[in-house]
Amino acid sequence: MGFLDKIAGKKEEKKDETAEQIPMGKYSQACSMCGNPGTDKKWMGQFWHVKCMRSAKRASKKML
């Protein structure tokens, strides 16, 4: 998965995970950037992990 794919929200197919391995979060939706479930924030209609949101913001600041 490339850098621009993460920002655009493209997801790769992942194997099914058991309930024990899924991280707990506020929402059960998959993250826009990494595709893992258990997201914490909803922004612009997409669900994000806090860590993924921070890295996307840093990347966008560098582009300007």
PDB file of N, CA and C in Angstrom:
ATOM      1  N   MET A   1       0.853  -1.165   0.000  1.00  0.00           N
ATOM      2  CA  MET A   1       0.000   0.000   0.000  1.00  0.00           C
ATOM      3  C   MET A   1       0.895   1.222   0.000  1.00  0.00           C
ATOM      4  N   GLY A   2       0.676   2.088  -0.964  1.00  0.00           N
ATOM      5  CA  GLY A   2       1.496   3.272  -1.116  1.00  0.00           C
ATOM      6  C   GLY A   2       1.038   4.406  -0.223  1.00  0.00           C
ATOM      7  N   PHE A   3       1.828   5.433  -0.194  1.00  0.00           N
ATOM      8  CA  PHE A   3       1.533   6.584   0.654  1.00  0.00           C
ATOM      9  C   PHE A   3       0.250   7.281   0.218  1.00  0.00           C
ATOM     10  N   LEU A   4       0.081   7.499  -1.079  1.00  0.00           N
ATOM     11  CA  LEU A   4      -1.108   8.185  -1.561  1.00  0.00           C
ATOM     12  C   LEU A   4      -2.362   7.335  -1.408  1.00  0.00           C
ATOM     13  N   ASP A   5      -2.211   6.016  -1.442  1.00  0.00           N
ATOM     14  CA  ASP A   5      -3.358   5.133  -1.219  1.00  0.00           C
ATOM     15  C   ASP A   5      -3.906   5.300   0.189  1.00  0.00           C
ATOM     16  N   LYS A   6      -3.038   5.556   1.143  1.00  0.00           N
ATOM     17  CA  LYS A   6      -3.486   5.747   2.525  1.00  0.00           C
ATOM     18  C   LYS A   6      -4.315   7.006   2.666  1.00  0.00           C
ATOM     19  N   ILE A   7      -3.900   8.072   2.024  1.00  0.00           N
ATOM     20  CA  ILE A   7      -4.626   9.336   2.117  1.00  0.00           C
ATOM     21  C   ILE A   7      -5.943   9.267   1.366  1.00  0.00           C
ATOM     22  N   ALA A   8      -5.942   8.617   0.207  1.00  0.00           N
ATOM     23  CA  ALA A   8      -7.145   8.540  -0.622  1.00  0.00           C
ATOM     24  C   ALA A   8      -8.184   7.599  -0.028  1.00  0.00           C
ATOM     25  N   GLY A   9      -7.773   6.746   0.880  1.00  0.00           N
ATOM     26  CA  GLY A   9      -8.725   5.856   1.531  1.00  0.00           C
ATOM     27  C   GLY A   9      -8.881   4.524   0.828  1.00  0.00           C
ATOM     28  N   LYS A  10      -7.966   4.181  -0.071  1.00  0.00           N
ATOM     29  CA  LYS A  10      -8.043   2.888  -0.738  1.00  0.00           C
ATOM     30  C   LYS A  10      -7.647   1.812   0.258  1.00  0.00           C
ATOM     31  N   LYS A  11      -8.357   0.687   0.196  1.00  0.00           N
ATOM     32  CA  LYS A  11      -8.125  -0.366   1.164  1.00  0.00           C
ATOM     33  C   LYS A  11      -7.719  -1.655   0.465  1.00  0.00           C
ATOM     34  N   GLU A  12      -6.858  -2.395   1.104  1.00  0.00           N
ATOM     35  CA  GLU A  12      -6.505  -3.721   0.634  1.00  0.00           C
ATOM     36  C   GLU A  12      -7.392  -4.726   1.352  1.00  0.00           C
ATOM     37  N   GLU A  13      -7.589  -5.862   0.716  1.00  0.00           N
ATOM     38  CA  GLU A  13      -8.385  -6.905   1.367  1.00  0.00           C
ATOM     39  C   GLU A  13      -7.568  -7.514   2.490  1.00  0.00           C
ATOM     40  N   LYS A  14      -8.209  -7.706   3.607  1.00  0.00           N
ATOM     41  CA  LYS A  14      -7.539  -8.281   4.770  1.00  0.00           C
ATOM     42  C   LYS A  14      -8.245  -9.552   5.177  1.00  0.00           C
ATOM     43  N   LYS A  15      -7.520 -10.377   5.894  1.00  0.00           N
ATOM     44  CA  LYS A  15      -8.100 -11.614   6.416  1.00  0.00           C
ATOM     45  C   LYS A  15      -9.027 -11.286   7.577  1.00  0.00           C
ATOM     46  N   ASP A  16      -9.997 -12.147   7.811  1.00  0.00           N
ATOM     47  CA  ASP A  16     -10.895 -11.955   8.951  1.00  0.00           C
ATOM     48  C   ASP A  16     -10.129 -12.147  10.250  1.00  0.00           C
ATOM     49  N   GLU A  17     -10.368 -11.245  11.170  1.00  0.00           N
ATOM     50  CA  GLU A  17      -9.713 -11.321  12.468  1.00  0.00           C
ATOM     51  C   GLU A  17     -10.706 -11.805  13.505  1.00  0.00           C
ATOM     52  N   THR A  18     -10.208 -12.447  14.508  1.00  0.00           N
ATOM     53  CA  THR A  18     -11.085 -12.899  15.583  1.00  0.00           C
ATOM     54  C   THR A  18     -11.444 -11.720  16.467  1.00  0.00           C
ATOM     55  N   ALA A  19     -12.455 -11.891  17.275  1.00  0.00           N
ATOM     56  CA  ALA A  19     -12.922 -10.809  18.145  1.00  0.00           C
ATOM     57  C   ALA A  19     -11.865 -10.396  19.167  1.00  0.00           C
ATOM     58  N   GLU A  20     -10.973 -11.309  19.497  1.00  0.00           N
ATOM     59  CA  GLU A  20      -9.940 -10.993  20.487  1.00  0.00           C
ATOM     60  C   GLU A  20      -8.891 -10.048  19.909  1.00  0.00           C
ATOM     61  N   GLN A  21      -8.622 -10.108  18.603  1.00  0.00           N
ATOM     62  CA  GLN A  21      -7.574  -9.318  18.003  1.00  0.00           C
ATOM     63  C   GLN A  21      -8.054  -7.937  17.559  1.00  0.00           C
ATOM     64  N   ILE A  22      -9.362  -7.721  17.445  1.00  0.00           N
ATOM     65  CA  ILE A  22      -9.891  -6.445  17.008  1.00  0.00           C
ATOM     66  C   ILE A  22      -9.740  -5.424  18.130  1.00  0.00           C
ATOM     67  N   PRO A  23      -9.072  -4.297  17.867  1.00  0.00           N
ATOM     68  CA  PRO A  23      -8.910  -3.287  18.915  1.00  0.00           C
ATOM     69  C   PRO A  23     -10.247  -2.631  19.247  1.00  0.00           C
ATOM     70  N   MET A  24     -10.395  -2.265  20.497  1.00  0.00           N
ATOM     71  CA  MET A  24     -11.626  -1.621  20.927  1.00  0.00           C
ATOM     72  C   MET A  24     -11.553  -0.141  20.586  1.00  0.00           C
ATOM     73  N   GLY A  25     -12.637   0.381  20.055  1.00  0.00           N
ATOM     74  CA  GLY A  25     -12.713   1.782  19.707  1.00  0.00           C
ATOM     75  C   GLY A  25     -14.141   2.266  19.864  1.00  0.00           C
ATOM     76  N   LYS A  26     -14.350   3.500  19.565  1.00  0.00           N
ATOM     77  CA  LYS A  26     -15.666   4.095  19.683  1.00  0.00           C
ATOM     78  C   LYS A  26     -16.615   3.539  18.615  1.00  0.00           C
ATOM     79  N   TYR A  27     -16.078   3.324  17.392  1.00  0.00           N
ATOM     80  CA  TYR A  27     -16.875   2.816  16.281  1.00  0.00           C
ATOM     81  C   TYR A  27     -16.334   1.463  15.836  1.00  0.00           C
ATOM     82  N   SER A  28     -17.197   0.647  15.240  1.00  0.00           N
ATOM     83  CA  SER A  28     -16.752  -0.661  14.761  1.00  0.00           C
ATOM     84  C   SER A  28     -16.414  -0.629  13.273  1.00  0.00           C
ATOM     85  N   GLN A  29     -16.397   0.555  12.660  1.00  0.00           N
ATOM     86  CA  GLN A  29     -16.098   0.697  11.237  1.00  0.00           C
ATOM     87  C   GLN A  29     -14.598   0.573  10.981  1.00  0.00           C
ATOM     88  N   ALA A  30     -14.244   0.313   9.724  1.00  0.00           N
ATOM     89  CA  ALA A  30     -12.835   0.217   9.334  1.00  0.00           C
ATOM     90  C   ALA A  30     -12.258   1.614   9.131  1.00  0.00           C
ATOM     91  N   CYS A  31     -10.992   1.764   9.419  1.00  0.00           N
ATOM     92  CA  CYS A  31     -10.292   3.037   9.270  1.00  0.00           C
ATOM     93  C   CYS A  31     -10.107   3.366   7.789  1.00  0.00           C
ATOM     94  N   SER A  32     -10.205   4.632   7.443  1.00  0.00           N
ATOM     95  CA  SER A  32     -10.036   5.078   6.062  1.00  0.00           C
ATOM     96  C   SER A  32      -8.601   4.908   5.589  1.00  0.00           C
ATOM     97  N   MET A  33      -7.661   5.012   6.490  1.00  0.00           N
ATOM     98  CA  MET A  33      -6.260   4.986   6.102  1.00  0.00           C
ATOM     99  C   MET A  33      -5.673   3.579   6.123  1.00  0.00           C
ATOM    100  N   CYS A  34      -5.849   2.861   7.219  1.00  0.00           N
ATOM    101  CA  CYS A  34      -5.194   1.559   7.334  1.00  0.00           C
ATOM    102  C   CYS A  34      -6.143   0.382   7.100  1.00  0.00           C
ATOM    103  N   GLY A  35      -7.450   0.597   7.218  1.00  0.00           N
ATOM    104  CA  GLY A  35      -8.416  -0.463   6.959  1.00  0.00           C
ATOM    105  C   GLY A  35      -8.714  -1.369   8.140  1.00  0.00           C
ATOM    106  N   ASN A  36      -8.118  -1.107   9.279  1.00  0.00           N
ATOM    107  CA  ASN A  36      -8.374  -1.921  10.468  1.00  0.00           C
ATOM    108  C   ASN A  36      -9.621  -1.429  11.199  1.00  0.00           C
ATOM    109  N   PRO A  37     -10.393  -2.318  11.811  1.00  0.00           N
ATOM    110  CA  PRO A  37     -11.591  -1.894  12.541  1.00  0.00           C
ATOM    111  C   PRO A  37     -11.251  -1.298  13.906  1.00  0.00           C
ATOM    112  N   GLY A  38     -12.239  -0.749  14.559  1.00  0.00           N
ATOM    113  CA  GLY A  38     -12.057  -0.193  15.902  1.00  0.00           C
ATOM    114  C   GLY A  38     -11.610   1.248  15.871  1.00  0.00           C
ATOM    115  N   THR A  39     -12.300   2.096  15.118  1.00  0.00           N
ATOM    116  CA  THR A  39     -11.886   3.481  14.960  1.00  0.00           C
ATOM    117  C   THR A  39     -12.381   4.357  16.111  1.00  0.00           C
ATOM    118  N   ASP A  40     -11.750   5.533  16.249  1.00  0.00           N
ATOM    119  CA  ASP A  40     -12.041   6.427  17.362  1.00  0.00           C
ATOM    120  C   ASP A  40     -12.689   7.737  16.942  1.00  0.00           C
ATOM    121  N   LYS A  41     -12.461   8.189  15.703  1.00  0.00           N
ATOM    122  CA  LYS A  41     -12.971   9.493  15.262  1.00  0.00           C
ATOM    123  C   LYS A  41     -13.733   9.350  13.957  1.00  0.00           C
ATOM    124  N   LYS A  42     -14.727  10.218  13.771  1.00  0.00           N
ATOM    125  CA  LYS A  42     -15.434  10.321  12.504  1.00  0.00           C
ATOM    126  C   LYS A  42     -15.213  11.734  11.997  1.00  0.00           C
ATOM    127  N   TRP A  43     -14.654  11.843  10.778  1.00  0.00           N
ATOM    128  CA  TRP A  43     -14.356  13.136  10.203  1.00  0.00           C
ATOM    129  C   TRP A  43     -14.661  13.097   8.718  1.00  0.00           C
ATOM    130  N   MET A  44     -15.511  14.002   8.259  1.00  0.00           N
ATOM    131  CA  MET A  44     -15.925  14.117   6.869  1.00  0.00           C
ATOM    132  C   MET A  44     -16.515  12.817   6.325  1.00  0.00           C
ATOM    133  N   GLY A  45     -17.299  12.139   7.130  1.00  0.00           N
ATOM    134  CA  GLY A  45     -17.976  10.925   6.696  1.00  0.00           C
ATOM    135  C   GLY A  45     -17.099   9.693   6.682  1.00  0.00           C
ATOM    136  N   GLN A  46     -15.863   9.797   7.147  1.00  0.00           N
ATOM    137  CA  GLN A  46     -14.954   8.663   7.198  1.00  0.00           C
ATOM    138  C   GLN A  46     -14.553   8.420   8.639  1.00  0.00           C
ATOM    139  N   PHE A  47     -14.221   7.186   8.932  1.00  0.00           N
ATOM    140  CA  PHE A  47     -13.823   6.788  10.280  1.00  0.00           C
ATOM    141  C   PHE A  47     -12.302   6.630  10.315  1.00  0.00           C
ATOM    142  N   TRP A  48     -11.686   7.120  11.398  1.00  0.00           N
ATOM    143  CA  TRP A  48     -10.227   7.156  11.522  1.00  0.00           C
ATOM    144  C   TRP A  48      -9.788   6.679  12.897  1.00  0.00           C
ATOM    145  N   HIS A  49      -8.586   6.091  12.964  1.00  0.00           N
ATOM    146  CA  HIS A  49      -7.892   5.906  14.230  1.00  0.00           C
ATOM    147  C   HIS A  49      -7.225   7.233  14.562  1.00  0.00           C
ATOM    148  N   VAL A  50      -6.982   7.497  15.808  1.00  0.00           N
ATOM    149  CA  VAL A  50      -6.326   8.749  16.210  1.00  0.00           C
ATOM    150  C   VAL A  50      -4.922   8.801  15.612  1.00  0.00           C
ATOM    151  N   LYS A  51      -4.216   7.691  15.632  1.00  0.00           N
ATOM    152  CA  LYS A  51      -2.855   7.623  15.105  1.00  0.00           C
ATOM    153  C   LYS A  51      -2.842   7.894  13.594  1.00  0.00           C
ATOM    154  N   CYS A  52      -3.784   7.322  12.872  1.00  0.00           N
ATOM    155  CA  CYS A  52      -3.864   7.524  11.423  1.00  0.00           C
ATOM    156  C   CYS A  52      -4.242   8.964  11.095  1.00  0.00           C
ATOM    157  N   MET A  53      -5.114   9.554  11.888  1.00  0.00           N
ATOM    158  CA  MET A  53      -5.523  10.947  11.678  1.00  0.00           C
ATOM    159  C   MET A  53      -4.319  11.874  11.840  1.00  0.00           C
ATOM    160  N   ARG A  54      -3.499  11.639  12.853  1.00  0.00           N
ATOM    161  CA  ARG A  54      -2.324  12.473  13.088  1.00  0.00           C
ATOM    162  C   ARG A  54      -1.343  12.377  11.920  1.00  0.00           C
ATOM    163  N   SER A  55      -1.095  11.160  11.453  1.00  0.00           N
ATOM    164  CA  SER A  55      -0.131  10.999  10.362  1.00  0.00           C
ATOM    165  C   SER A  55      -0.652  11.606   9.064  1.00  0.00           C
ATOM    166  N   ALA A  56      -1.966  11.544   8.816  1.00  0.00           N
ATOM    167  CA  ALA A  56      -2.539  12.156   7.618  1.00  0.00           C
ATOM    168  C   ALA A  56      -2.437  13.682   7.683  1.00  0.00           C
ATOM    169  N   LYS A  57      -2.660  14.257   8.864  1.00  0.00           N
ATOM    170  CA  LYS A  57      -2.536  15.707   9.023  1.00  0.00           C
ATOM    171  C   LYS A  57      -1.098  16.158   8.814  1.00  0.00           C
ATOM    172  N   ARG A  58      -0.141  15.400   9.337  1.00  0.00           N
ATOM    173  CA  ARG A  58       1.269  15.750   9.148  1.00  0.00           C
ATOM    174  C   ARG A  58       1.645  15.683   7.679  1.00  0.00           C
ATOM    175  N   ALA A  59       1.173  14.658   7.001  1.00  0.00           N
ATOM    176  CA  ALA A  59       1.487  14.498   5.581  1.00  0.00           C
ATOM    177  C   ALA A  59       0.885  15.624   4.756  1.00  0.00           C
ATOM    178  N   SER A  60      -0.330  16.038   5.096  1.00  0.00           N
ATOM    179  CA  SER A  60      -0.960  17.109   4.328  1.00  0.00           C
ATOM    180  C   SER A  60      -0.296  18.461   4.575  1.00  0.00           C
ATOM    181  N   LYS A  61       0.222  18.672   5.775  1.00  0.00           N
ATOM    182  CA  LYS A  61       0.947  19.920   6.042  1.00  0.00           C
ATOM    183  C   LYS A  61       2.230  19.997   5.219  1.00  0.00           C
ATOM    184  N   LYS A  62       2.880  18.859   5.020  1.00  0.00           N
ATOM    185  CA  LYS A  62       4.109  18.836   4.237  1.00  0.00           C
ATOM    186  C   LYS A  62       3.846  19.069   2.762  1.00  0.00           C
ATOM    187  N   MET A  63       2.645  18.756   2.299  1.00  0.00           N
ATOM    188  CA  MET A  63       2.319  18.947   0.884  1.00  0.00           C
ATOM    189  C   MET A  63       2.095  20.414   0.532  1.00  0.00           C
ATOM    190  N   LEU A  64       1.714  21.219   1.507  1.00  0.00           N
ATOM    191  CA  LEU A  64       1.453  22.632   1.231  1.00  0.00           C
ATOM    192  C   LEU A  64       2.691  23.458   1.189  1.00  0.00           C
TER     193      LEU A  64
END
